[in-house]
Amino acid sequence: MYKIAVVGDKDSVLAFKALGVDVKISYDADQTRRIVDGLAKDNYGLIFITEQLAEKIEETIDRYNSVTVPAIVLIPSNKGSLGIGMKNIDKNVEKAVGSNIL
C-alpha cells in the first residue's frame, strides 16, 4: 500500500498532519530534492509539493513526471498560487483527451 506525503514550508503544510498525511518541512532546493527522492524510494505513491518549492526543483519534478509512481501534485502555498499546478493539470487533460476541456 502506498503512502501520501506533503512537502513545503511549515505554515503551508502543517495542517495536512491532521488528515494523517506525512508532512515534510523544507525551505530550499537541495533539501527538497533529497526529501522527494527519499519519499519516492520509501513507497510513497502521492507526493504533494508547494508550487514555490516545485519551482526550485523543476528537473526533479520532470524526472518523476515520466514515471507512474510516485505521482507528484503541485499545490499552492499559504502565500497563494503561482498557477503552475493548474497549468500541469491543463496539459495532462489535453494530452489525455486531445483538447483542453477545462
PDB file of N, CA and C in Angstrom:
ATOM      1  N   MET A   1       0.832  -1.171   0.000  1.00  0.00           N
ATOM      2  CA  MET A   1       0.000   0.000   0.000  1.00  0.00           C
ATOM      3  C   MET A   1       0.885   1.246   0.000  1.00  0.00           C
ATOM      4  N   TYR A   2       0.549   2.183  -0.845  1.00  0.00           N
ATOM      5  CA  TYR A   2       1.329   3.408  -0.957  1.00  0.00           C
ATOM      6  C   TYR A   2       0.951   4.410   0.121  1.00  0.00           C
ATOM      7  N   LYS A   3       1.913   5.262   0.454  1.00  0.00           N
ATOM      8  CA  LYS A   3       1.702   6.307   1.452  1.00  0.00           C
ATOM      9  C   LYS A   3       1.583   7.656   0.750  1.00  0.00           C
ATOM     10  N   ILE A   4       1.147   8.668   1.499  1.00  0.00           N
ATOM     11  CA  ILE A   4       0.979  10.023   0.981  1.00  0.00           C
ATOM     12  C   ILE A   4       1.801  10.970   1.834  1.00  0.00           C
ATOM     13  N   ALA A   5       2.470  11.923   1.168  1.00  0.00           N
ATOM     14  CA  ALA A   5       3.257  12.929   1.879  1.00  0.00           C
ATOM     15  C   ALA A   5       3.030  14.293   1.249  1.00  0.00           C
ATOM     16  N   VAL A   6       3.328  15.310   2.025  1.00  0.00           N
ATOM     17  CA  VAL A   6       3.279  16.685   1.535  1.00  0.00           C
ATOM     18  C   VAL A   6       4.587  17.363   1.933  1.00  0.00           C
ATOM     19  N   VAL A   7       5.158  18.134   1.005  1.00  0.00           N
ATOM     20  CA  VAL A   7       6.430  18.808   1.222  1.00  0.00           C
ATOM     21  C   VAL A   7       6.228  20.303   1.011  1.00  0.00           C
ATOM     22  N   GLY A   8       6.691  21.086   1.963  1.00  0.00           N
ATOM     23  CA  GLY A   8       6.578  22.530   1.822  1.00  0.00           C
ATOM     24  C   GLY A   8       7.021  23.243   3.080  1.00  0.00           C
ATOM     25  N   ASP A   9       6.819  24.556   3.093  1.00  0.00           N
ATOM     26  CA  ASP A   9       7.170  25.323   4.285  1.00  0.00           C
ATOM     27  C   ASP A   9       6.170  24.997   5.397  1.00  0.00           C
ATOM     28  N   LYS A  10       6.599  25.194   6.620  1.00  0.00           N
ATOM     29  CA  LYS A  10       5.822  24.784   7.788  1.00  0.00           C
ATOM     30  C   LYS A  10       4.410  25.369   7.791  1.00  0.00           C
ATOM     31  N   ASP A  11       4.273  26.639   7.515  1.00  0.00           N
ATOM     32  CA  ASP A  11       2.964  27.291   7.563  1.00  0.00           C
ATOM     33  C   ASP A  11       1.997  26.743   6.518  1.00  0.00           C
ATOM     34  N   SER A  12       2.518  26.269   5.400  1.00  0.00           N
ATOM     35  CA  SER A  12       1.665  25.789   4.314  1.00  0.00           C
ATOM     36  C   SER A  12       1.221  24.347   4.475  1.00  0.00           C
ATOM     37  N   VAL A  13       2.032  23.519   5.112  1.00  0.00           N
ATOM     38  CA  VAL A  13       1.752  22.079   5.095  1.00  0.00           C
ATOM     39  C   VAL A  13       1.406  21.458   6.444  1.00  0.00           C
ATOM     40  N   LEU A  14       1.577  22.170   7.520  1.00  0.00           N
ATOM     41  CA  LEU A  14       1.365  21.586   8.841  1.00  0.00           C
ATOM     42  C   LEU A  14      -0.064  21.089   9.042  1.00  0.00           C
ATOM     43  N   ALA A  15      -1.041  21.742   8.444  1.00  0.00           N
ATOM     44  CA  ALA A  15      -2.440  21.333   8.597  1.00  0.00           C
ATOM     45  C   ALA A  15      -2.704  19.948   8.014  1.00  0.00           C
ATOM     46  N   PHE A  16      -1.903  19.513   7.062  1.00  0.00           N
ATOM     47  CA  PHE A  16      -2.085  18.186   6.460  1.00  0.00           C
ATOM     48  C   PHE A  16      -1.870  17.069   7.477  1.00  0.00           C
ATOM     49  N   LYS A  17      -1.118  17.360   8.529  1.00  0.00           N
ATOM     50  CA  LYS A  17      -0.854  16.363   9.568  1.00  0.00           C
ATOM     51  C   LYS A  17      -2.160  15.895  10.216  1.00  0.00           C
ATOM     52  N   ALA A  18      -3.131  16.793  10.345  1.00  0.00           N
ATOM     53  CA  ALA A  18      -4.424  16.438  10.937  1.00  0.00           C
ATOM     54  C   ALA A  18      -5.189  15.438  10.071  1.00  0.00           C
ATOM     55  N   LEU A  19      -4.858  15.395   8.782  1.00  0.00           N
ATOM     56  CA  LEU A  19      -5.510  14.460   7.858  1.00  0.00           C
ATOM     57  C   LEU A  19      -4.795  13.116   7.790  1.00  0.00           C
ATOM     58  N   GLY A  20      -3.709  12.972   8.531  1.00  0.00           N
ATOM     59  CA  GLY A  20      -2.965  11.722   8.524  1.00  0.00           C
ATOM     60  C   GLY A  20      -1.920  11.631   7.428  1.00  0.00           C
ATOM     61  N   VAL A  21      -1.631  12.742   6.777  1.00  0.00           N
ATOM     62  CA  VAL A  21      -0.630  12.791   5.715  1.00  0.00           C
ATOM     63  C   VAL A  21       0.730  13.052   6.347  1.00  0.00           C
ATOM     64  N   ASP A  22       1.757  12.361   5.864  1.00  0.00           N
ATOM     65  CA  ASP A  22       3.112  12.608   6.358  1.00  0.00           C
ATOM     66  C   ASP A  22       3.585  13.969   5.871  1.00  0.00           C
ATOM     67  N   VAL A  23       4.057  14.782   6.788  1.00  0.00           N
ATOM     68  CA  VAL A  23       4.461  16.154   6.485  1.00  0.00           C
ATOM     69  C   VAL A  23       5.978  16.270   6.539  1.00  0.00           C
ATOM     70  N   LYS A  24       6.557  16.840   5.484  1.00  0.00           N
ATOM     71  CA  LYS A  24       7.996  17.088   5.431  1.00  0.00           C
ATOM     72  C   LYS A  24       8.204  18.584   5.219  1.00  0.00           C
ATOM     73  N   ILE A  25       8.922  19.201   6.133  1.00  0.00           N
ATOM     74  CA  ILE A  25       9.165  20.639   6.076  1.00  0.00           C
ATOM     75  C   ILE A  25      10.459  20.898   5.313  1.00  0.00           C
ATOM     76  N   SER A  26      10.407  21.825   4.382  1.00  0.00           N
ATOM     77  CA  SER A  26      11.592  22.176   3.602  1.00  0.00           C
ATOM     78  C   SER A  26      11.482  23.618   3.148  1.00  0.00           C
ATOM     79  N   TYR A  27      12.656  24.251   2.985  1.00  0.00           N
ATOM     80  CA  TYR A  27      12.681  25.643   2.541  1.00  0.00           C
ATOM     81  C   TYR A  27      13.612  25.872   1.353  1.00  0.00           C
ATOM     82  N   ASP A  28      14.523  24.925   1.080  1.00  0.00           N
ATOM     83  CA  ASP A  28      15.469  25.151  -0.013  1.00  0.00           C
ATOM     84  C   ASP A  28      15.474  23.992  -1.001  1.00  0.00           C
ATOM     85  N   ALA A  29      16.064  24.231  -2.152  1.00  0.00           N
ATOM     86  CA  ALA A  29      16.027  23.271  -3.260  1.00  0.00           C
ATOM     87  C   ALA A  29      16.741  21.959  -2.935  1.00  0.00           C
ATOM     88  N   ASP A  30      17.934  22.026  -2.370  1.00  0.00           N
ATOM     89  CA  ASP A  30      18.694  20.805  -2.098  1.00  0.00           C
ATOM     90  C   ASP A  30      17.974  19.898  -1.108  1.00  0.00           C
ATOM     91  N   GLN A  31      17.466  20.475  -0.048  1.00  0.00           N
ATOM     92  CA  GLN A  31      16.746  19.694   0.948  1.00  0.00           C
ATOM     93  C   GLN A  31      15.475  19.099   0.348  1.00  0.00           C
ATOM     94  N   THR A  32      14.760  19.872  -0.444  1.00  0.00           N
ATOM     95  CA  THR A  32      13.535  19.391  -1.085  1.00  0.00           C
ATOM     96  C   THR A  32      13.831  18.245  -2.027  1.00  0.00           C
ATOM     97  N   ARG A  33      14.887  18.363  -2.816  1.00  0.00           N
ATOM     98  CA  ARG A  33      15.289  17.309  -3.741  1.00  0.00           C
ATOM     99  C   ARG A  33      15.579  16.010  -2.989  1.00  0.00           C
ATOM    100  N   ARG A  34      16.311  16.112  -1.877  1.00  0.00           N
ATOM    101  CA  ARG A  34      16.626  14.920  -1.074  1.00  0.00           C
ATOM    102  C   ARG A  34      15.362  14.307  -0.479  1.00  0.00           C
ATOM    103  N   ILE A  35      14.453  15.155  -0.009  1.00  0.00           N
ATOM    104  CA  ILE A  35      13.206  14.655   0.572  1.00  0.00           C
ATOM    105  C   ILE A  35      12.384  13.919  -0.475  1.00  0.00           C
ATOM    106  N   VAL A  36      12.207  14.520  -1.649  1.00  0.00           N
ATOM    107  CA  VAL A  36      11.389  13.905  -2.705  1.00  0.00           C
ATOM    108  C   VAL A  36      11.999  12.580  -3.152  1.00  0.00           C
ATOM    109  N   ASP A  37      13.300  12.548  -3.361  1.00  0.00           N
ATOM    110  CA  ASP A  37      13.960  11.297  -3.760  1.00  0.00           C
ATOM    111  C   ASP A  37      13.809  10.228  -2.678  1.00  0.00           C
ATOM    112  N   GLY A  38      13.922  10.621  -1.417  1.00  0.00           N
ATOM    113  CA  GLY A  38      13.753   9.677  -0.316  1.00  0.00           C
ATOM    114  C   GLY A  38      12.331   9.142  -0.228  1.00  0.00           C
ATOM    115  N   LEU A  39      11.354  10.017  -0.421  1.00  0.00           N
ATOM    116  CA  LEU A  39       9.957   9.588  -0.389  1.00  0.00           C
ATOM    117  C   LEU A  39       9.661   8.629  -1.535  1.00  0.00           C
ATOM    118  N   ALA A  40      10.217   8.912  -2.701  1.00  0.00           N
ATOM    119  CA  ALA A  40       9.996   8.043  -3.865  1.00  0.00           C
ATOM    120  C   ALA A  40      10.549   6.641  -3.612  1.00  0.00           C
ATOM    121  N   LYS A  41      11.680   6.559  -2.940  1.00  0.00           N
ATOM    122  CA  LYS A  41      12.282   5.258  -2.637  1.00  0.00           C
ATOM    123  C   LYS A  41      11.572   4.546  -1.496  1.00  0.00           C
ATOM    124  N   ASP A  42      10.835   5.311  -0.689  1.00  0.00           N
ATOM    125  CA  ASP A  42      10.218   4.767   0.522  1.00  0.00           C
ATOM    126  C   ASP A  42       8.734   4.443   0.336  1.00  0.00           C
ATOM    127  N   ASN A  43       8.329   4.080  -0.888  1.00  0.00           N
ATOM    128  CA  ASN A  43       6.979   3.584  -1.172  1.00  0.00           C
ATOM    129  C   ASN A  43       5.872   4.630  -1.013  1.00  0.00           C
ATOM    130  N   TYR A  44       6.175   5.881  -1.326  1.00  0.00           N
ATOM    131  CA  TYR A  44       5.136   6.914  -1.334  1.00  0.00           C
ATOM    132  C   TYR A  44       4.549   6.975  -2.740  1.00  0.00           C
ATOM    133  N   GLY A  45       3.233   6.868  -2.832  1.00  0.00           N
ATOM    134  CA  GLY A  45       2.566   6.872  -4.131  1.00  0.00           C
ATOM    135  C   GLY A  45       2.105   8.246  -4.565  1.00  0.00           C
ATOM    136  N   LEU A  46       1.926   9.155  -3.605  1.00  0.00           N
ATOM    137  CA  LEU A  46       1.447  10.501  -3.895  1.00  0.00           C
ATOM    138  C   LEU A  46       2.222  11.489  -3.045  1.00  0.00           C
ATOM    139  N   ILE A  47       2.840  12.455  -3.727  1.00  0.00           N
ATOM    140  CA  ILE A  47       3.613  13.482  -3.037  1.00  0.00           C
ATOM    141  C   ILE A  47       3.082  14.841  -3.465  1.00  0.00           C
ATOM    142  N   PHE A  48       2.561  15.582  -2.511  1.00  0.00           N
ATOM    143  CA  PHE A  48       2.147  16.959  -2.753  1.00  0.00           C
ATOM    144  C   PHE A  48       3.331  17.870  -2.441  1.00  0.00           C
ATOM    145  N   ILE A  49       3.581  18.842  -3.319  1.00  0.00           N
ATOM    146  CA  ILE A  49       4.669  19.803  -3.107  1.00  0.00           C
ATOM    147  C   ILE A  49       4.125  21.200  -3.370  1.00  0.00           C
ATOM    148  N   THR A  50       4.487  22.143  -2.519  1.00  0.00           N
ATOM    149  CA  THR A  50       4.050  23.513  -2.761  1.00  0.00           C
ATOM    150  C   THR A  50       4.683  24.027  -4.056  1.00  0.00           C
ATOM    151  N   GLU A  51       3.948  24.846  -4.759  1.00  0.00           N
ATOM    152  CA  GLU A  51       4.427  25.375  -6.045  1.00  0.00           C
ATOM    153  C   GLU A  51       5.736  26.143  -5.889  1.00  0.00           C
ATOM    154  N   GLN A  52       5.894  26.850  -4.784  1.00  0.00           N
ATOM    155  CA  GLN A  52       7.114  27.625  -4.575  1.00  0.00           C
ATOM    156  C   GLN A  52       8.345  26.733  -4.514  1.00  0.00           C
ATOM    157  N   LEU A  53       8.229  25.580  -3.866  1.00  0.00           N
ATOM    158  CA  LEU A  53       9.362  24.648  -3.817  1.00  0.00           C
ATOM    159  C   LEU A  53       9.522  23.905  -5.132  1.00  0.00           C
ATOM    160  N   ALA A  54       8.431  23.525  -5.749  1.00  0.00           N
ATOM    161  CA  ALA A  54       8.499  22.800  -7.022  1.00  0.00           C
ATOM    162  C   ALA A  54       9.192  23.644  -8.087  1.00  0.00           C
ATOM    163  N   GLU A  55       8.987  24.934  -8.028  1.00  0.00           N
ATOM    164  CA  GLU A  55       9.627  25.842  -8.979  1.00  0.00           C
ATOM    165  C   GLU A  55      11.149  25.791  -8.863  1.00  0.00           C
ATOM    166  N   LYS A  56      11.647  25.476  -7.667  1.00  0.00           N
ATOM    167  CA  LYS A  56      13.097  25.413  -7.424  1.00  0.00           C
ATOM    168  C   LYS A  56      13.715  24.090  -7.867  1.00  0.00           C
ATOM    169  N   ILE A  57      12.877  23.042  -8.038  1.00  0.00           N
ATOM    170  CA  ILE A  57      13.414  21.714  -8.384  1.00  0.00           C
ATOM    171  C   ILE A  57      12.720  21.157  -9.629  1.00  0.00           C
ATOM    172  N   GLU A  58      12.570  21.973 -10.639  1.00  0.00           N
ATOM    173  CA  GLU A  58      11.853  21.578 -11.857  1.00  0.00           C
ATOM    174  C   GLU A  58      12.396  20.303 -12.480  1.00  0.00           C
ATOM    175  N   GLU A  59      13.713  20.128 -12.514  1.00  0.00           N
ATOM    176  CA  GLU A  59      14.287  18.949 -13.153  1.00  0.00           C
ATOM    177  C   GLU A  59      13.928  17.673 -12.390  1.00  0.00           C
ATOM    178  N   THR A  60      13.845  17.749 -11.081  1.00  0.00           N
ATOM    179  CA  THR A  60      13.445  16.586 -10.286  1.00  0.00           C
ATOM    180  C   THR A  60      11.975  16.263 -10.532  1.00  0.00           C
ATOM    181  N   ILE A  61      11.136  17.270 -10.572  1.00  0.00           N
ATOM    182  CA  ILE A  61       9.707  17.078 -10.841  1.00  0.00           C
ATOM    183  C   ILE A  61       9.532  16.447 -12.219  1.00  0.00           C
ATOM    184  N   ASP A  62      10.244  16.950 -13.217  1.00  0.00           N
ATOM    185  CA  ASP A  62      10.153  16.407 -14.575  1.00  0.00           C
ATOM    186  C   ASP A  62      10.563  14.937 -14.627  1.00  0.00           C
ATOM    187  N   ARG A  63      11.574  14.579 -13.855  1.00  0.00           N
ATOM    188  CA  ARG A  63      12.036  13.186 -13.810  1.00  0.00           C
ATOM    189  C   ARG A  63      10.933  12.265 -13.295  1.00  0.00           C
ATOM    190  N   TYR A  64      10.210  12.697 -12.284  1.00  0.00           N
ATOM    191  CA  TYR A  64       9.142  11.866 -11.732  1.00  0.00           C
ATOM    192  C   TYR A  64       7.853  11.936 -12.553  1.00  0.00           C
ATOM    193  N   ASN A  65       7.708  12.940 -13.389  1.00  0.00           N
ATOM    194  CA  ASN A  65       6.534  13.013 -14.259  1.00  0.00           C
ATOM    195  C   ASN A  65       6.554  11.938 -15.341  1.00  0.00           C
ATOM    196  N   SER A  66       7.724  11.367 -15.609  1.00  0.00           N
ATOM    197  CA  SER A  66       7.833  10.336 -16.642  1.00  0.00           C
ATOM    198  C   SER A  66       7.595   8.923 -16.094  1.00  0.00           C
ATOM    199  N   VAL A  67       7.325   8.803 -14.791  1.00  0.00           N
ATOM    200  CA  VAL A  67       7.039   7.506 -14.192  1.00  0.00           C
ATOM    201  C   VAL A  67       5.638   7.522 -13.581  1.00  0.00           C
ATOM    202  N   THR A  68       5.093   6.348 -13.349  1.00  0.00           N
ATOM    203  CA  THR A  68       3.745   6.256 -12.804  1.00  0.00           C
ATOM    204  C   THR A  68       3.699   6.557 -11.315  1.00  0.00           C
ATOM    205  N   VAL A  69       4.644   6.005 -10.572  1.00  0.00           N
ATOM    206  CA  VAL A  69       4.675   6.176  -9.123  1.00  0.00           C
ATOM    207  C   VAL A  69       6.040   6.689  -8.724  1.00  0.00           C
ATOM    208  N   PRO A  70       6.129   7.720  -7.961  1.00  0.00           N
ATOM    209  CA  PRO A  70       5.057   8.447  -7.291  1.00  0.00           C
ATOM    210  C   PRO A  70       4.444   9.517  -8.199  1.00  0.00           C
ATOM    211  N   ALA A  71       3.187   9.819  -7.942  1.00  0.00           N
ATOM    212  CA  ALA A  71       2.544  10.952  -8.608  1.00  0.00           C
ATOM    213  C   ALA A  71       2.871  12.198  -7.791  1.00  0.00           C
ATOM    214  N   ILE A  72       3.323  13.222  -8.473  1.00  0.00           N
ATOM    215  CA  ILE A  72       3.650  14.474  -7.795  1.00  0.00           C
ATOM    216  C   ILE A  72       2.631  15.517  -8.202  1.00  0.00           C
ATOM    217  N   VAL A  73       1.983  16.089  -7.192  1.00  0.00           N
ATOM    218  CA  VAL A  73       0.938  17.085  -7.416  1.00  0.00           C
ATOM    219  C   VAL A  73       1.370  18.391  -6.761  1.00  0.00           C
ATOM    220  N   LEU A  74       1.325  19.462  -7.549  1.00  0.00           N
ATOM    221  CA  LEU A  74       1.706  20.772  -7.033  1.00  0.00           C
ATOM    222  C   LEU A  74       0.497  21.450  -6.406  1.00  0.00           C
ATOM    223  N   ILE A  75       0.711  22.018  -5.235  1.00  0.00           N
ATOM    224  CA  ILE A  75      -0.354  22.709  -4.521  1.00  0.00           C
ATOM    225  C   ILE A  75       0.097  24.122  -4.187  1.00  0.00           C
ATOM    226  N   PRO A  76      -0.842  25.049  -4.053  1.00  0.00           N
ATOM    227  CA  PRO A  76      -0.450  26.404  -3.658  1.00  0.00           C
ATOM    228  C   PRO A  76       0.017  26.428  -2.209  1.00  0.00           C
ATOM    229  N   SER A  77       0.873  27.372  -1.897  1.00  0.00           N
ATOM    230  CA  SER A  77       1.300  27.537  -0.511  1.00  0.00           C
ATOM    231  C   SER A  77       0.369  28.538   0.170  1.00  0.00           C
ATOM    232  N   ASN A  78       0.676  28.866   1.407  1.00  0.00           N
ATOM    233  CA  ASN A  78      -0.138  29.838   2.111  1.00  0.00           C
ATOM    234  C   ASN A  78       0.031  31.254   1.534  1.00  0.00           C
ATOM    235  N   LYS A  79       1.012  31.427   0.667  1.00  0.00           N
ATOM    236  CA  LYS A  79       1.237  32.728   0.016  1.00  0.00           C
ATOM    237  C   LYS A  79       0.424  32.876  -1.259  1.00  0.00           C
ATOM    238  N   GLY A  80      -0.259  31.807  -1.661  1.00  0.00           N
ATOM    239  CA  GLY A  80      -1.081  31.856  -2.865  1.00  0.00           C
ATOM    240  C   GLY A  80      -0.530  30.969  -3.960  1.00  0.00           C
ATOM    241  N   SER A  81      -1.237  30.955  -5.075  1.00  0.00           N
ATOM    242  CA  SER A  81      -0.878  30.087  -6.190  1.00  0.00           C
ATOM    243  C   SER A  81      -0.022  30.827  -7.214  1.00  0.00           C
ATOM    244  N   LEU A  82       0.905  30.077  -7.792  1.00  0.00           N
ATOM    245  CA  LEU A  82       1.696  30.595  -8.909  1.00  0.00           C
ATOM    246  C   LEU A  82       1.097  30.172 -10.243  1.00  0.00           C
ATOM    247  N   GLY A  83       0.088  29.305 -10.204  1.00  0.00           N
ATOM    248  CA  GLY A  83      -0.566  28.825 -11.416  1.00  0.00           C
ATOM    249  C   GLY A  83       0.132  27.644 -12.070  1.00  0.00           C
ATOM    250  N   ILE A  84       1.229  27.192 -11.510  1.00  0.00           N
ATOM    251  CA  ILE A  84       2.000  26.093 -12.100  1.00  0.00           C
ATOM    252  C   ILE A  84       1.211  24.794 -12.045  1.00  0.00           C
ATOM    253  N   GLY A  85       0.593  24.506 -10.905  1.00  0.00           N
ATOM    254  CA  GLY A  85      -0.174  23.271 -10.751  1.00  0.00           C
ATOM    255  C   GLY A  85      -1.326  23.186 -11.733  1.00  0.00           C
ATOM    256  N   MET A  86      -2.038  24.274 -11.910  1.00  0.00           N
ATOM    257  CA  MET A  86      -3.171  24.282 -12.843  1.00  0.00           C
ATOM    258  C   MET A  86      -2.700  24.121 -14.283  1.00  0.00           C
ATOM    259  N   LYS A  87      -1.562  24.711 -14.632  1.00  0.00           N
ATOM    260  CA  LYS A  87      -1.006  24.538 -15.978  1.00  0.00           C
ATOM    261  C   LYS A  87      -0.695  23.067 -16.241  1.00  0.00           C
ATOM    262  N   ASN A  88      -0.144  22.391 -15.222  1.00  0.00           N
ATOM    263  CA  ASN A  88       0.171  20.967 -15.369  1.00  0.00           C
ATOM    264  C   ASN A  88      -1.095  20.133 -15.544  1.00  0.00           C
ATOM    265  N   ILE A  89      -2.127  20.467 -14.808  1.00  0.00           N
ATOM    266  CA  ILE A  89      -3.398  19.748 -14.948  1.00  0.00           C
ATOM    267  C   ILE A  89      -3.962  19.970 -16.343  1.00  0.00           C
ATOM    268  N   ASP A  90      -3.962  21.209 -16.817  1.00  0.00           N
ATOM    269  CA  ASP A  90      -4.448  21.512 -18.172  1.00  0.00           C
ATOM    270  C   ASP A  90      -3.683  20.716 -19.220  1.00  0.00           C
ATOM    271  N   LYS A  91      -2.364  20.670 -19.066  1.00  0.00           N
ATOM    272  CA  LYS A  91      -1.515  19.955 -20.018  1.00  0.00           C
ATOM    273  C   LYS A  91      -1.826  18.464 -20.029  1.00  0.00           C
ATOM    274  N   ASN A  92      -2.007  17.877 -18.845  1.00  0.00           N
ATOM    275  CA  ASN A  92      -2.299  16.450 -18.758  1.00  0.00           C
ATOM    276  C   ASN A  92      -3.689  16.108 -19.290  1.00  0.00           C
ATOM    277  N   VAL A  93      -4.663  16.984 -19.034  1.00  0.00           N
ATOM    278  CA  VAL A  93      -6.014  16.755 -19.566  1.00  0.00           C
ATOM    279  C   VAL A  93      -5.988  16.825 -21.085  1.00  0.00           C
ATOM    280  N   GLU A  94      -5.287  17.816 -21.614  1.00  0.00           N
ATOM    281  CA  GLU A  94      -5.189  17.962 -23.065  1.00  0.00           C
ATOM    282  C   GLU A  94      -4.506  16.753 -23.693  1.00  0.00           C
ATOM    283  N   LYS A  95      -3.488  16.239 -23.027  1.00  0.00           N
ATOM    284  CA  LYS A  95      -2.768  15.061 -23.522  1.00  0.00           C
ATOM    285  C   LYS A  95      -3.674  13.830 -23.506  1.00  0.00           C
ATOM    286  N   ALA A  96      -4.474  13.684 -22.468  1.00  0.00           N
ATOM    287  CA  ALA A  96      -5.333  12.508 -22.332  1.00  0.00           C
ATOM    288  C   ALA A  96      -6.559  12.567 -23.241  1.00  0.00           C
ATOM    289  N   VAL A  97      -7.154  13.751 -23.376  1.00  0.00           N
ATOM    290  CA  VAL A  97      -8.416  13.883 -24.094  1.00  0.00           C
ATOM    291  C   VAL A  97      -8.225  14.320 -25.551  1.00  0.00           C
ATOM    292  N   GLY A  98      -7.155  15.033 -25.805  1.00  0.00           N
ATOM    293  CA  GLY A  98      -6.910  15.517 -27.154  1.00  0.00           C
ATOM    294  C   GLY A  98      -7.177  17.000 -27.312  1.00  0.00           C
ATOM    295  N   SER A  99      -7.882  17.570 -26.359  1.00  0.00           N
ATOM    296  CA  SER A  99      -8.101  19.012 -26.342  1.00  0.00           C
ATOM    297  C   SER A  99      -8.332  19.443 -24.900  1.00  0.00           C
ATOM    298  N   ASN A 100      -8.146  20.710 -24.650  1.00  0.00           N
ATOM    299  CA  ASN A 100      -8.307  21.233 -23.298  1.00  0.00           C
ATOM    300  C   ASN A 100      -9.789  21.458 -23.030  1.00  0.00           C
ATOM    301  N   ILE A 101     -10.384  20.613 -22.226  1.00  0.00           N
ATOM    302  CA  ILE A 101     -11.805  20.741 -21.912  1.00  0.00           C
ATOM    303  C   ILE A 101     -12.049  21.545 -20.649  1.00  0.00           C
ATOM    304  N   LEU A 102     -10.986  21.945 -19.984  1.00  0.00           N
ATOM    305  CA  LEU A 102     -11.135  22.745 -18.780  1.00  0.00           C
ATOM    306  C   LEU A 102     -11.178  24.198 -19.154  1.00  0.00           C
TER     307      LEU A 102
END
